[in-house]
Amino acid sequence: MWSMIVCDGDGAEREQLMDLARQCLEEKEVEAEVTGCADWPELDGMVKRALPDAVIVAQDSVEGLNTITSARLLSRKIIWFSDLDFGVQAYRLCVPFFCQKPVTRYKMEQALTRLMEISQGAGKA
């Protein structure tokens, strides 16, 4: 079973992203537990209890950048959605998927497919 955490300070947006992730994973026939949190301290606590297979960070502005920078341990497992274009920073921080908001079903599918390809590749090494 896959475990995923969605980190987003906006509760309604977080719920929407969690539902979208669940739908996309169901279509791929991947069993997943998708949970949510609001900020880096909460995410850090959840990660210390159980390392997730994937983390979606969808915080706006510099808050998202700060969370990504703090979560360096998870860099290969992060999907980052932001209101600002942090593409260069995402590349430098080894984030496998970055895209600007709004998050569409297509963007979520692309992100999850990319992350699964990376995790399968790592498993074969």
PDB file of N, CA and C in Angstrom:
ATOM      1  N   MET A   1       0.831  -1.189   0.000  1.00  0.00           N
ATOM      2  CA  MET A   1       0.000   0.000   0.000  1.00  0.00           C
ATOM      3  C   MET A   1       0.873   1.249   0.000  1.00  0.00           C
ATOM      4  N   TRP A   2       0.509   2.191  -0.838  1.00  0.00           N
ATOM      5  CA  TRP A   2       1.213   3.462  -0.947  1.00  0.00           C
ATOM      6  C   TRP A   2       0.744   4.406   0.135  1.00  0.00           C
ATOM      7  N   SER A   3       1.632   5.215   0.688  1.00  0.00           N
ATOM      8  CA  SER A   3       1.221   6.254   1.633  1.00  0.00           C
ATOM      9  C   SER A   3       1.613   7.617   1.066  1.00  0.00           C
ATOM     10  N   MET A   4       0.697   8.557   1.183  1.00  0.00           N
ATOM     11  CA  MET A   4       0.921   9.891   0.633  1.00  0.00           C
ATOM     12  C   MET A   4       0.405  10.931   1.610  1.00  0.00           C
ATOM     13  N   ILE A   5       1.140  12.044   1.705  1.00  0.00           N
ATOM     14  CA  ILE A   5       0.737  13.172   2.536  1.00  0.00           C
ATOM     15  C   ILE A   5       0.575  14.393   1.643  1.00  0.00           C
ATOM     16  N   VAL A   6      -0.537  15.099   1.806  1.00  0.00           N
ATOM     17  CA  VAL A   6      -0.769  16.349   1.087  1.00  0.00           C
ATOM     18  C   VAL A   6      -0.611  17.492   2.091  1.00  0.00           C
ATOM     19  N   CYS A   7       0.354  18.367   1.830  1.00  0.00           N
ATOM     20  CA  CYS A   7       0.637  19.495   2.727  1.00  0.00           C
ATOM     21  C   CYS A   7       0.146  20.785   2.065  1.00  0.00           C
ATOM     22  N   ASP A   8      -0.895  21.377   2.639  1.00  0.00           N
ATOM     23  CA  ASP A   8      -1.490  22.587   2.081  1.00  0.00           C
ATOM     24  C   ASP A   8      -2.192  23.336   3.210  1.00  0.00           C
ATOM     25  N   GLY A   9      -1.858  24.596   3.406  1.00  0.00           N
ATOM     26  CA  GLY A   9      -2.430  25.400   4.479  1.00  0.00           C
ATOM     27  C   GLY A   9      -3.906  25.722   4.290  1.00  0.00           C
ATOM     28  N   ASP A  10      -4.408  25.614   3.072  1.00  0.00           N
ATOM     29  CA  ASP A  10      -5.820  25.871   2.776  1.00  0.00           C
ATOM     30  C   ASP A  10      -6.578  24.553   2.898  1.00  0.00           C
ATOM     31  N   GLY A  11      -7.411  24.435   3.932  1.00  0.00           N
ATOM     32  CA  GLY A  11      -8.100  23.176   4.217  1.00  0.00           C
ATOM     33  C   GLY A  11      -8.962  22.667   3.084  1.00  0.00           C
ATOM     34  N   ALA A  12      -9.719  23.556   2.434  1.00  0.00           N
ATOM     35  CA  ALA A  12     -10.593  23.140   1.328  1.00  0.00           C
ATOM     36  C   ALA A  12      -9.767  22.650   0.137  1.00  0.00           C
ATOM     37  N   GLU A  13      -8.694  23.374  -0.170  1.00  0.00           N
ATOM     38  CA  GLU A  13      -7.827  22.967  -1.279  1.00  0.00           C
ATOM     39  C   GLU A  13      -7.140  21.636  -0.962  1.00  0.00           C
ATOM     40  N   ARG A  14      -6.721  21.465   0.297  1.00  0.00           N
ATOM     41  CA  ARG A  14      -6.080  20.226   0.723  1.00  0.00           C
ATOM     42  C   ARG A  14      -7.014  19.029   0.509  1.00  0.00           C
ATOM     43  N   GLU A  15      -8.264  19.165   0.923  1.00  0.00           N
ATOM     44  CA  GLU A  15      -9.249  18.090   0.732  1.00  0.00           C
ATOM     45  C   GLU A  15      -9.448  17.776  -0.752  1.00  0.00           C
ATOM     46  N   GLN A  16      -9.516  18.819  -1.567  1.00  0.00           N
ATOM     47  CA  GLN A  16      -9.692  18.650  -3.010  1.00  0.00           C
ATOM     48  C   GLN A  16      -8.498  17.893  -3.610  1.00  0.00           C
ATOM     49  N   LEU A  17      -7.296  18.258  -3.206  1.00  0.00           N
ATOM     50  CA  LEU A  17      -6.093  17.588  -3.713  1.00  0.00           C
ATOM     51  C   LEU A  17      -6.020  16.137  -3.250  1.00  0.00           C
ATOM     52  N   MET A  18      -6.429  15.890  -2.012  1.00  0.00           N
ATOM     53  CA  MET A  18      -6.426  14.522  -1.495  1.00  0.00           C
ATOM     54  C   MET A  18      -7.399  13.653  -2.295  1.00  0.00           C
ATOM     55  N   ASP A  19      -8.585  14.187  -2.578  1.00  0.00           N
ATOM     56  CA  ASP A  19      -9.569  13.451  -3.376  1.00  0.00           C
ATOM     57  C   ASP A  19      -9.053  13.198  -4.786  1.00  0.00           C
ATOM     58  N   LEU A  20      -8.451  14.208  -5.383  1.00  0.00           N
ATOM     59  CA  LEU A  20      -7.907  14.078  -6.735  1.00  0.00           C
ATOM     60  C   LEU A  20      -6.806  13.020  -6.784  1.00  0.00           C
ATOM     61  N   ALA A  21      -5.936  13.034  -5.784  1.00  0.00           N
ATOM     62  CA  ALA A  21      -4.857  12.035  -5.715  1.00  0.00           C
ATOM     63  C   ALA A  21      -5.438  10.631  -5.570  1.00  0.00           C
ATOM     64  N   ARG A  22      -6.436  10.479  -4.693  1.00  0.00           N
ATOM     65  CA  ARG A  22      -7.074   9.167  -4.498  1.00  0.00           C
ATOM     66  C   ARG A  22      -7.693   8.660  -5.798  1.00  0.00           C
ATOM     67  N   GLN A  23      -8.402   9.537  -6.516  1.00  0.00           N
ATOM     68  CA  GLN A  23      -9.036   9.152  -7.776  1.00  0.00           C
ATOM     69  C   GLN A  23      -8.000   8.693  -8.797  1.00  0.00           C
ATOM     70  N   CYS A  24      -6.926   9.451  -8.933  1.00  0.00           N
ATOM     71  CA  CYS A  24      -5.882   9.103  -9.905  1.00  0.00           C
ATOM     72  C   CYS A  24      -5.204   7.780  -9.537  1.00  0.00           C
ATOM     73  N   LEU A  25      -4.968   7.569  -8.255  1.00  0.00           N
ATOM     74  CA  LEU A  25      -4.337   6.324  -7.817  1.00  0.00           C
ATOM     75  C   LEU A  25      -5.272   5.130  -8.000  1.00  0.00           C
ATOM     76  N   GLU A  26      -6.558   5.337  -7.741  1.00  0.00           N
ATOM     77  CA  GLU A  26      -7.534   4.260  -7.960  1.00  0.00           C
ATOM     78  C   GLU A  26      -7.554   3.832  -9.420  1.00  0.00           C
ATOM     79  N   GLU A  27      -7.495   4.814 -10.326  1.00  0.00           N
ATOM     80  CA  GLU A  27      -7.479   4.508 -11.753  1.00  0.00           C
ATOM     81  C   GLU A  27      -6.247   3.697 -12.136  1.00  0.00           C
ATOM     82  N   LYS A  28      -5.151   3.936 -11.427  1.00  0.00           N
ATOM     83  CA  LYS A  28      -3.912   3.184 -11.675  1.00  0.00           C
ATOM     84  C   LYS A  28      -3.904   1.869 -10.899  1.00  0.00           C
ATOM     85  N   GLU A  29      -5.001   1.607 -10.194  1.00  0.00           N
ATOM     86  CA  GLU A  29      -5.152   0.409  -9.372  1.00  0.00           C
ATOM     87  C   GLU A  29      -4.065   0.304  -8.308  1.00  0.00           C
ATOM     88  N   VAL A  30      -3.786   1.454  -7.692  1.00  0.00           N
ATOM     89  CA  VAL A  30      -2.808   1.525  -6.610  1.00  0.00           C
ATOM     90  C   VAL A  30      -3.567   1.790  -5.317  1.00  0.00           C
ATOM     91  N   GLU A  31      -3.430   0.881  -4.358  1.00  0.00           N
ATOM     92  CA  GLU A  31      -4.025   1.102  -3.046  1.00  0.00           C
ATOM     93  C   GLU A  31      -3.188   2.153  -2.336  1.00  0.00           C
ATOM     94  N   ALA A  32      -3.863   3.154  -1.794  1.00  0.00           N
ATOM     95  CA  ALA A  32      -3.118   4.229  -1.150  1.00  0.00           C
ATOM     96  C   ALA A  32      -3.863   4.790   0.045  1.00  0.00           C
ATOM     97  N   GLU A  33      -3.076   5.200   1.019  1.00  0.00           N
ATOM     98  CA  GLU A  33      -3.591   5.938   2.159  1.00  0.00           C
ATOM     99  C   GLU A  33      -3.123   7.375   1.974  1.00  0.00           C
ATOM    100  N   VAL A  34      -4.078   8.289   1.808  1.00  0.00           N
ATOM    101  CA  VAL A  34      -3.753   9.691   1.579  1.00  0.00           C
ATOM    102  C   VAL A  34      -4.208  10.498   2.792  1.00  0.00           C
ATOM    103  N   THR A  35      -3.250  11.157   3.433  1.00  0.00           N
ATOM    104  CA  THR A  35      -3.553  11.982   4.598  1.00  0.00           C
ATOM    105  C   THR A  35      -3.124  13.418   4.310  1.00  0.00           C
ATOM    106  N   GLY A  36      -3.504  14.335   5.177  1.00  0.00           N
ATOM    107  CA  GLY A  36      -3.179  15.735   4.949  1.00  0.00           C
ATOM    108  C   GLY A  36      -2.622  16.420   6.172  1.00  0.00           C
ATOM    109  N   CYS A  37      -1.935  17.536   5.918  1.00  0.00           N
ATOM    110  CA  CYS A  37      -1.423  18.399   6.979  1.00  0.00           C
ATOM    111  C   CYS A  37      -1.373  19.829   6.458  1.00  0.00           C
ATOM    112  N   ALA A  38      -1.204  20.771   7.371  1.00  0.00           N
ATOM    113  CA  ALA A  38      -1.279  22.180   7.009  1.00  0.00           C
ATOM    114  C   ALA A  38       0.066  22.867   6.773  1.00  0.00           C
ATOM    115  N   ASP A  39       1.130  22.387   7.449  1.00  0.00           N
ATOM    116  CA  ASP A  39       2.397  23.120   7.361  1.00  0.00           C
ATOM    117  C   ASP A  39       3.594  22.209   7.637  1.00  0.00           C
ATOM    118  N   TRP A  40       4.800  22.791   7.552  1.00  0.00           N
ATOM    119  CA  TRP A  40       6.026  22.015   7.716  1.00  0.00           C
ATOM    120  C   TRP A  40       6.137  21.329   9.078  1.00  0.00           C
ATOM    121  N   PRO A  41       5.877  22.016  10.215  1.00  0.00           N
ATOM    122  CA  PRO A  41       6.003  21.304  11.494  1.00  0.00           C
ATOM    123  C   PRO A  41       5.105  20.064  11.567  1.00  0.00           C
ATOM    124  N   GLU A  42       3.886  20.177  11.054  1.00  0.00           N
ATOM    125  CA  GLU A  42       2.966  19.043  11.061  1.00  0.00           C
ATOM    126  C   GLU A  42       3.470  17.942  10.113  1.00  0.00           C
ATOM    127  N   LEU A  43       3.929  18.340   8.937  1.00  0.00           N
ATOM    128  CA  LEU A  43       4.478  17.378   7.971  1.00  0.00           C
ATOM    129  C   LEU A  43       5.695  16.665   8.562  1.00  0.00           C
ATOM    130  N   ASP A  44       6.575  17.417   9.202  1.00  0.00           N
ATOM    131  CA  ASP A  44       7.779  16.852   9.811  1.00  0.00           C
ATOM    132  C   ASP A  44       7.415  15.793  10.843  1.00  0.00           C
ATOM    133  N   GLY A  45       6.419  16.080  11.668  1.00  0.00           N
ATOM    134  CA  GLY A  45       5.974  15.118  12.676  1.00  0.00           C
ATOM    135  C   GLY A  45       5.422  13.845  12.048  1.00  0.00           C
ATOM    136  N   MET A  46       4.640  14.002  10.966  1.00  0.00           N
ATOM    137  CA  MET A  46       4.059  12.838  10.293  1.00  0.00           C
ATOM    138  C   MET A  46       5.150  11.981   9.642  1.00  0.00           C
ATOM    139  N   VAL A  47       6.137  12.634   9.046  1.00  0.00           N
ATOM    140  CA  VAL A  47       7.228  11.933   8.371  1.00  0.00           C
ATOM    141  C   VAL A  47       8.077  11.161   9.374  1.00  0.00           C
ATOM    142  N   LYS A  48       8.265  11.741  10.568  1.00  0.00           N
ATOM    143  CA  LYS A  48       9.058  11.056  11.597  1.00  0.00           C
ATOM    144  C   LYS A  48       8.374   9.792  12.098  1.00  0.00           C
ATOM    145  N   ARG A  49       7.032   9.772  12.056  1.00  0.00           N
ATOM    146  CA  ARG A  49       6.294   8.580  12.473  1.00  0.00           C
ATOM    147  C   ARG A  49       6.344   7.491  11.403  1.00  0.00           C
ATOM    148  N   ALA A  50       6.227   7.888  10.139  1.00  0.00           N
ATOM    149  CA  ALA A  50       6.234   6.915   9.042  1.00  0.00           C
ATOM    150  C   ALA A  50       6.616   7.629   7.746  1.00  0.00           C
ATOM    151  N   LEU A  51       7.704   7.192   7.141  1.00  0.00           N
ATOM    152  CA  LEU A  51       8.183   7.811   5.906  1.00  0.00           C
ATOM    153  C   LEU A  51       7.208   7.503   4.771  1.00  0.00           C
ATOM    154  N   PRO A  52       6.594   8.536   4.166  1.00  0.00           N
ATOM    155  CA  PRO A  52       5.616   8.298   3.103  1.00  0.00           C
ATOM    156  C   PRO A  52       6.290   7.959   1.764  1.00  0.00           C
ATOM    157  N   ASP A  53       5.512   7.373   0.866  1.00  0.00           N
ATOM    158  CA  ASP A  53       6.003   7.101  -0.488  1.00  0.00           C
ATOM    159  C   ASP A  53       6.014   8.374  -1.318  1.00  0.00           C
ATOM    160  N   ALA A  54       5.129   9.309  -0.981  1.00  0.00           N
ATOM    161  CA  ALA A  54       5.028  10.560  -1.734  1.00  0.00           C
ATOM    162  C   ALA A  54       4.479  11.665  -0.843  1.00  0.00           C
ATOM    163  N   VAL A  55       4.901  12.901  -1.166  1.00  0.00           N
ATOM    164  CA  VAL A  55       4.394  14.082  -0.470  1.00  0.00           C
ATOM    165  C   VAL A  55       4.029  15.111  -1.529  1.00  0.00           C
ATOM    166  N   ILE A  56       2.820  15.641  -1.429  1.00  0.00           N
ATOM    167  CA  ILE A  56       2.407  16.742  -2.299  1.00  0.00           C
ATOM    168  C   ILE A  56       2.448  18.005  -1.462  1.00  0.00           C
ATOM    169  N   VAL A  57       3.264  18.971  -1.876  1.00  0.00           N
ATOM    170  CA  VAL A  57       3.324  20.262  -1.209  1.00  0.00           C
ATOM    171  C   VAL A  57       2.615  21.250  -2.126  1.00  0.00           C
ATOM    172  N   ALA A  58       1.553  21.865  -1.618  1.00  0.00           N
ATOM    173  CA  ALA A  58       0.765  22.795  -2.428  1.00  0.00           C
ATOM    174  C   ALA A  58       0.553  24.108  -1.694  1.00  0.00           C
ATOM    175  N   GLN A  59       1.587  24.560  -1.015  1.00  0.00           N
ATOM    176  CA  GLN A  59       1.499  25.825  -0.289  1.00  0.00           C
ATOM    177  C   GLN A  59       1.884  26.969  -1.226  1.00  0.00           C
ATOM    178  N   ASP A  60       1.339  28.141  -0.960  1.00  0.00           N
ATOM    179  CA  ASP A  60       1.603  29.283  -1.826  1.00  0.00           C
ATOM    180  C   ASP A  60       2.849  30.053  -1.407  1.00  0.00           C
ATOM    181  N   SER A  61       3.380  30.769  -2.382  1.00  0.00           N
ATOM    182  CA  SER A  61       4.490  31.711  -2.206  1.00  0.00           C
ATOM    183  C   SER A  61       5.704  31.080  -1.536  1.00  0.00           C
ATOM    184  N   VAL A  62       6.332  31.878  -0.689  1.00  0.00           N
ATOM    185  CA  VAL A  62       7.577  31.461  -0.051  1.00  0.00           C
ATOM    186  C   VAL A  62       7.344  30.354   0.976  1.00  0.00           C
ATOM    187  N   GLU A  63       6.135  30.246   1.521  1.00  0.00           N
ATOM    188  CA  GLU A  63       5.839  29.182   2.487  1.00  0.00           C
ATOM    189  C   GLU A  63       6.100  27.811   1.854  1.00  0.00           C
ATOM    190  N   GLY A  64       5.666  27.641   0.603  1.00  0.00           N
ATOM    191  CA  GLY A  64       5.906  26.382  -0.108  1.00  0.00           C
ATOM    192  C   GLY A  64       7.387  26.129  -0.312  1.00  0.00           C
ATOM    193  N   LEU A  65       8.122  27.161  -0.715  1.00  0.00           N
ATOM    194  CA  LEU A  65       9.571  27.038  -0.909  1.00  0.00           C
ATOM    195  C   LEU A  65      10.252  26.656   0.399  1.00  0.00           C
ATOM    196  N   ASN A  66       9.840  27.280   1.502  1.00  0.00           N
ATOM    197  CA  ASN A  66      10.421  26.958   2.809  1.00  0.00           C
ATOM    198  C   ASN A  66      10.152  25.504   3.196  1.00  0.00           C
ATOM    199  N   THR A  67       8.944  25.018   2.931  1.00  0.00           N
ATOM    200  CA  THR A  67       8.607  23.626   3.246  1.00  0.00           C
ATOM    201  C   THR A  67       9.454  22.684   2.404  1.00  0.00           C
ATOM    202  N   ILE A  68       9.577  22.971   1.113  1.00  0.00           N
ATOM    203  CA  ILE A  68      10.378  22.127   0.221  1.00  0.00           C
ATOM    204  C   ILE A  68      11.828  22.100   0.697  1.00  0.00           C
ATOM    205  N   THR A  69      12.363  23.252   1.045  1.00  0.00           N
ATOM    206  CA  THR A  69      13.754  23.337   1.501  1.00  0.00           C
ATOM    207  C   THR A  69      13.943  22.571   2.806  1.00  0.00           C
ATOM    208  N   SER A  70      12.973  22.657   3.707  1.00  0.00           N
ATOM    209  CA  SER A  70      13.048  21.942   4.987  1.00  0.00           C
ATOM    210  C   SER A  70      12.917  20.434   4.798  1.00  0.00           C
ATOM    211  N   ALA A  71      12.226  20.028   3.754  1.00  0.00           N
ATOM    212  CA  ALA A  71      11.942  18.606   3.525  1.00  0.00           C
ATOM    213  C   ALA A  71      12.962  17.956   2.599  1.00  0.00           C
ATOM    214  N   ARG A  72      14.194  18.378   2.647  1.00  0.00           N
ATOM    215  CA  ARG A  72      15.234  17.866   1.736  1.00  0.00           C
ATOM    216  C   ARG A  72      15.345  16.341   1.769  1.00  0.00           C
ATOM    217  N   LEU A  73      15.126  15.748   2.932  1.00  0.00           N
ATOM    218  CA  LEU A  73      15.169  14.297   3.078  1.00  0.00           C
ATOM    219  C   LEU A  73      14.184  13.607   2.124  1.00  0.00           C
ATOM    220  N   LEU A  74      13.092  14.297   1.817  1.00  0.00           N
ATOM    221  CA  LEU A  74      12.036  13.730   0.985  1.00  0.00           C
ATOM    222  C   LEU A  74      12.142  14.154  -0.480  1.00  0.00           C
ATOM    223  N   SER A  75      13.214  14.848  -0.857  1.00  0.00           N
ATOM    224  CA  SER A  75      13.257  15.522  -2.158  1.00  0.00           C
ATOM    225  C   SER A  75      12.851  14.653  -3.347  1.00  0.00           C
ATOM    226  N   ARG A  76      13.213  13.377  -3.368  1.00  0.00           N
ATOM    227  CA  ARG A  76      12.886  12.520  -4.509  1.00  0.00           C
ATOM    228  C   ARG A  76      11.437  12.037  -4.475  1.00  0.00           C
ATOM    229  N   LYS A  77      10.705  12.372  -3.426  1.00  0.00           N
ATOM    230  CA  LYS A  77       9.327  11.899  -3.259  1.00  0.00           C
ATOM    231  C   LYS A  77       8.310  13.036  -3.290  1.00  0.00           C
ATOM    232  N   ILE A  78       8.742  14.233  -3.683  1.00  0.00           N
ATOM    233  CA  ILE A  78       7.879  15.406  -3.585  1.00  0.00           C
ATOM    234  C   ILE A  78       7.267  15.794  -4.930  1.00  0.00           C
ATOM    235  N   ILE A  79       5.985  16.106  -4.867  1.00  0.00           N
ATOM    236  CA  ILE A  79       5.272  16.760  -5.956  1.00  0.00           C
ATOM    237  C   ILE A  79       4.972  18.157  -5.431  1.00  0.00           C
ATOM    238  N   TRP A  80       5.381  19.174  -6.186  1.00  0.00           N
ATOM    239  CA  TRP A  80       5.243  20.548  -5.705  1.00  0.00           C
ATOM    240  C   TRP A  80       4.337  21.342  -6.628  1.00  0.00           C
ATOM    241  N   PHE A  81       3.255  21.873  -6.062  1.00  0.00           N
ATOM    242  CA  PHE A  81       2.354  22.778  -6.780  1.00  0.00           C
ATOM    243  C   PHE A  81       2.424  24.126  -6.075  1.00  0.00           C
ATOM    244  N   SER A  82       2.588  25.213  -6.841  1.00  0.00           N
ATOM    245  CA  SER A  82       2.678  26.539  -6.235  1.00  0.00           C
ATOM    246  C   SER A  82       1.970  27.571  -7.094  1.00  0.00           C
ATOM    247  N   ASP A  83       1.613  28.691  -6.463  1.00  0.00           N
ATOM    248  CA  ASP A  83       1.021  29.792  -7.208  1.00  0.00           C
ATOM    249  C   ASP A  83       2.089  30.578  -7.968  1.00  0.00           C
ATOM    250  N   LEU A  84       3.336  30.447  -7.572  1.00  0.00           N
ATOM    251  CA  LEU A  84       4.454  31.137  -8.229  1.00  0.00           C
ATOM    252  C   LEU A  84       5.321  30.129  -8.982  1.00  0.00           C
ATOM    253  N   ASP A  85       6.086  30.629  -9.953  1.00  0.00           N
ATOM    254  CA  ASP A  85       6.942  29.743 -10.737  1.00  0.00           C
ATOM    255  C   ASP A  85       8.276  29.518 -10.019  1.00  0.00           C
ATOM    256  N   PHE A  86       8.368  28.390  -9.347  1.00  0.00           N
ATOM    257  CA  PHE A  86       9.597  27.999  -8.659  1.00  0.00           C
ATOM    258  C   PHE A  86      10.281  26.854  -9.407  1.00  0.00           C
ATOM    259  N   GLY A  87      10.099  26.788 -10.717  1.00  0.00           N
ATOM    260  CA  GLY A  87      10.653  25.697 -11.516  1.00  0.00           C
ATOM    261  C   GLY A  87      12.153  25.516 -11.355  1.00  0.00           C
ATOM    262  N   VAL A  88      12.889  26.613 -11.370  1.00  0.00           N
ATOM    263  CA  VAL A  88      14.355  26.533 -11.251  1.00  0.00           C
ATOM    264  C   VAL A  88      14.732  26.014  -9.862  1.00  0.00           C
ATOM    265  N   GLN A  89      14.058  26.530  -8.834  1.00  0.00           N
ATOM    266  CA  GLN A  89      14.342  26.071  -7.475  1.00  0.00           C
ATOM    267  C   GLN A  89      13.984  24.597  -7.322  1.00  0.00           C
ATOM    268  N   ALA A  90      12.882  24.170  -7.920  1.00  0.00           N
ATOM    269  CA  ALA A  90      12.482  22.766  -7.854  1.00  0.00           C
ATOM    270  C   ALA A  90      13.557  21.884  -8.480  1.00  0.00           C
ATOM    271  N   TYR A  91      14.084  22.309  -9.602  1.00  0.00           N
ATOM    272  CA  TYR A  91      15.146  21.563 -10.277  1.00  0.00           C
ATOM    273  C   TYR A  91      16.388  21.470  -9.387  1.00  0.00           C
ATOM    274  N   ARG A  92      16.789  22.581  -8.821  1.00  0.00           N
ATOM    275  CA  ARG A  92      17.983  22.613  -7.956  1.00  0.00           C
ATOM    276  C   ARG A  92      17.818  21.759  -6.703  1.00  0.00           C
ATOM    277  N   LEU A  93      16.561  21.637  -6.218  1.00  0.00           N
ATOM    278  CA  LEU A  93      16.293  20.865  -5.005  1.00  0.00           C
ATOM    279  C   LEU A  93      15.943  19.407  -5.308  1.00  0.00           C
ATOM    280  N   CYS A  94      16.097  19.004  -6.589  1.00  0.00           N
ATOM    281  CA  CYS A  94      15.841  17.613  -7.018  1.00  0.00           C
ATOM    282  C   CYS A  94      14.396  17.187  -6.804  1.00  0.00           C
ATOM    283  N   VAL A  95      13.464  18.116  -6.942  1.00  0.00           N
ATOM    284  CA  VAL A  95      12.043  17.789  -6.850  1.00  0.00           C
ATOM    285  C   VAL A  95      11.623  17.218  -8.207  1.00  0.00           C
ATOM    286  N   PRO A  96      11.109  15.975  -8.232  1.00  0.00           N
ATOM    287  CA  PRO A  96      10.813  15.323  -9.508  1.00  0.00           C
ATOM    288  C   PRO A  96       9.680  15.944 -10.319  1.00  0.00           C
ATOM    289  N   PHE A  97       8.744  16.642  -9.650  1.00  0.00           N
ATOM    290  CA  PHE A  97       7.633  17.233 -10.393  1.00  0.00           C
ATOM    291  C   PHE A  97       7.228  18.558  -9.772  1.00  0.00           C
ATOM    292  N   PHE A  98       7.266  19.621 -10.591  1.00  0.00           N
ATOM    293  CA  PHE A  98       6.798  20.941 -10.177  1.00  0.00           C
ATOM    294  C   PHE A  98       5.815  21.451 -11.220  1.00  0.00           C
ATOM    295  N   CYS A  99       4.744  22.071 -10.756  1.00  0.00           N
ATOM    296  CA  CYS A  99       3.785  22.677 -11.675  1.00  0.00           C
ATOM    297  C   CYS A  99       3.071  23.814 -10.951  1.00  0.00           C
ATOM    298  N   GLN A 100       2.675  24.818 -11.722  1.00  0.00           N
ATOM    299  CA  GLN A 100       1.944  25.922 -11.119  1.00  0.00           C
ATOM    300  C   GLN A 100       0.473  25.581 -10.959  1.00  0.00           C
ATOM    301  N   LYS A 101      -0.129  26.186  -9.945  1.00  0.00           N
ATOM    302  CA  LYS A 101      -1.559  26.046  -9.718  1.00  0.00           C
ATOM    303  C   LYS A 101      -2.297  26.783 -10.827  1.00  0.00           C
ATOM    304  N   PRO A 102      -3.540  26.483 -11.119  1.00  0.00           N
ATOM    305  CA  PRO A 102      -4.404  25.537 -10.430  1.00  0.00           C
ATOM    306  C   PRO A 102      -4.046  24.093 -10.767  1.00  0.00           C
ATOM    307  N   VAL A 103      -4.318  23.209  -9.818  1.00  0.00           N
ATOM    308  CA  VAL A 103      -4.038  21.789 -10.012  1.00  0.00           C
ATOM    309  C   VAL A 103      -5.233  21.167 -10.732  1.00  0.00           C
ATOM    310  N   THR A 104      -4.956  20.614 -11.897  1.00  0.00           N
ATOM    311  CA  THR A 104      -6.004  19.935 -12.666  1.00  0.00           C
ATOM    312  C   THR A 104      -5.819  18.429 -12.531  1.00  0.00           C
ATOM    313  N   ARG A 105      -6.818  17.699 -12.967  1.00  0.00           N
ATOM    314  CA  ARG A 105      -6.719  16.234 -12.962  1.00  0.00           C
ATOM    315  C   ARG A 105      -5.519  15.788 -13.813  1.00  0.00           C
ATOM    316  N   TYR A 106      -5.330  16.431 -14.956  1.00  0.00           N
ATOM    317  CA  TYR A 106      -4.223  16.083 -15.845  1.00  0.00           C
ATOM    318  C   TYR A 106      -2.878  16.306 -15.147  1.00  0.00           C
ATOM    319  N   LYS A 107      -2.710  17.437 -14.481  1.00  0.00           N
ATOM    320  CA  LYS A 107      -1.444  17.715 -13.779  1.00  0.00           C
ATOM    321  C   LYS A 107      -1.198  16.688 -12.681  1.00  0.00           C
ATOM    322  N   MET A 108      -2.260  16.312 -11.947  1.00  0.00           N
ATOM    323  CA  MET A 108      -2.114  15.327 -10.879  1.00  0.00           C
ATOM    324  C   MET A 108      -1.709  13.974 -11.465  1.00  0.00           C
ATOM    325  N   GLU A 109      -2.339  13.570 -12.562  1.00  0.00           N
ATOM    326  CA  GLU A 109      -1.994  12.296 -13.208  1.00  0.00           C
ATOM    327  C   GLU A 109      -0.540  12.297 -13.662  1.00  0.00           C
ATOM    328  N   GLN A 110      -0.101  13.391 -14.286  1.00  0.00           N
ATOM    329  CA  GLN A 110       1.285  13.508 -14.748  1.00  0.00           C
ATOM    330  C   GLN A 110       2.255  13.394 -13.563  1.00  0.00           C
ATOM    331  N   ALA A 111       1.944  14.098 -12.484  1.00  0.00           N
ATOM    332  CA  ALA A 111       2.802  14.109 -11.301  1.00  0.00           C
ATOM    333  C   ALA A 111       2.924  12.715 -10.697  1.00  0.00           C
ATOM    334  N   LEU A 112       1.805  12.043 -10.518  1.00  0.00           N
ATOM    335  CA  LEU A 112       1.820  10.713  -9.903  1.00  0.00           C
ATOM    336  C   LEU A 112       2.514   9.691 -10.805  1.00  0.00           C
ATOM    337  N   THR A 113       2.289   9.789 -12.102  1.00  0.00           N
ATOM    338  CA  THR A 113       2.966   8.884 -13.039  1.00  0.00           C
ATOM    339  C   THR A 113       4.475   9.068 -12.952  1.00  0.00           C
ATOM    340  N   ARG A 114       4.928  10.323 -12.935  1.00  0.00           N
ATOM    341  CA  ARG A 114       6.370  10.627 -12.847  1.00  0.00           C
ATOM    342  C   ARG A 114       6.956  10.067 -11.538  1.00  0.00           C
ATOM    343  N   LEU A 115       6.268  10.280 -10.451  1.00  0.00           N
ATOM    344  CA  LEU A 115       6.766   9.818  -9.157  1.00  0.00           C
ATOM    345  C   LEU A 115       6.825   8.296  -9.095  1.00  0.00           C
ATOM    346  N   MET A 116       5.831   7.636  -9.651  1.00  0.00           N
ATOM    347  CA  MET A 116       5.822   6.166  -9.649  1.00  0.00           C
ATOM    348  C   MET A 116       6.953   5.607 -10.517  1.00  0.00           C
ATOM    349  N   GLU A 117       7.233   6.265 -11.640  1.00  0.00           N
ATOM    350  CA  GLU A 117       8.343   5.835 -12.492  1.00  0.00           C
ATOM    351  C   GLU A 117       9.657   5.930 -11.722  1.00  0.00           C
ATOM    352  N   ILE A 118       9.838   7.023 -10.994  1.00  0.00           N
ATOM    353  CA  ILE A 118      11.068   7.219 -10.212  1.00  0.00           C
ATOM    354  C   ILE A 118      11.174   6.181  -9.107  1.00  0.00           C
ATOM    355  N   SER A 119      10.073   5.940  -8.389  1.00  0.00           N
ATOM    356  CA  SER A 119      10.133   5.000  -7.261  1.00  0.00           C
ATOM    357  C   SER A 119      10.350   3.572  -7.757  1.00  0.00           C
ATOM    358  N   GLN A 120       9.801   3.224  -8.910  1.00  0.00           N
ATOM    359  CA  GLN A 120      10.033   1.878  -9.455  1.00  0.00           C
ATOM    360  C   GLN A 120      11.488   1.741  -9.887  1.00  0.00           C
ATOM    361  N   GLY A 121      12.036   2.788 -10.479  1.00  0.00           N
ATOM    362  CA  GLY A 121      13.433   2.771 -10.897  1.00  0.00           C
ATOM    363  C   GLY A 121      14.370   2.615  -9.719  1.00  0.00           C
ATOM    364  N   ALA A 122      14.046   3.288  -8.613  1.00  0.00           N
ATOM    365  CA  ALA A 122      14.869   3.199  -7.396  1.00  0.00           C
ATOM    366  C   ALA A 122      14.792   1.798  -6.808  1.00  0.00           C
ATOM    367  N   GLY A 123      13.637   1.157  -6.933  1.00  0.00           N
ATOM    368  CA  GLY A 123      13.463  -0.182  -6.380  1.00  0.00           C
ATOM    369  C   GLY A 123      14.277  -1.223  -7.109  1.00  0.00           C
ATOM    370  N   LYS A 124      14.606  -0.967  -8.373  1.00  0.00           N
ATOM    371  CA  LYS A 124      15.349  -1.929  -9.173  1.00  0.00           C
ATOM    372  C   LYS A 124      16.852  -1.833  -8.950  1.00  0.00           C
ATOM    373  N   ALA A 125      17.292  -0.715  -8.408  1.00  0.00           N
ATOM    374  CA  ALA A 125      18.749  -0.502  -8.246  1.00  0.00           C
ATOM    375  C   ALA A 125      19.353  -1.428  -7.224  1.00  0.00           C
TER     376      ALA A 125
END
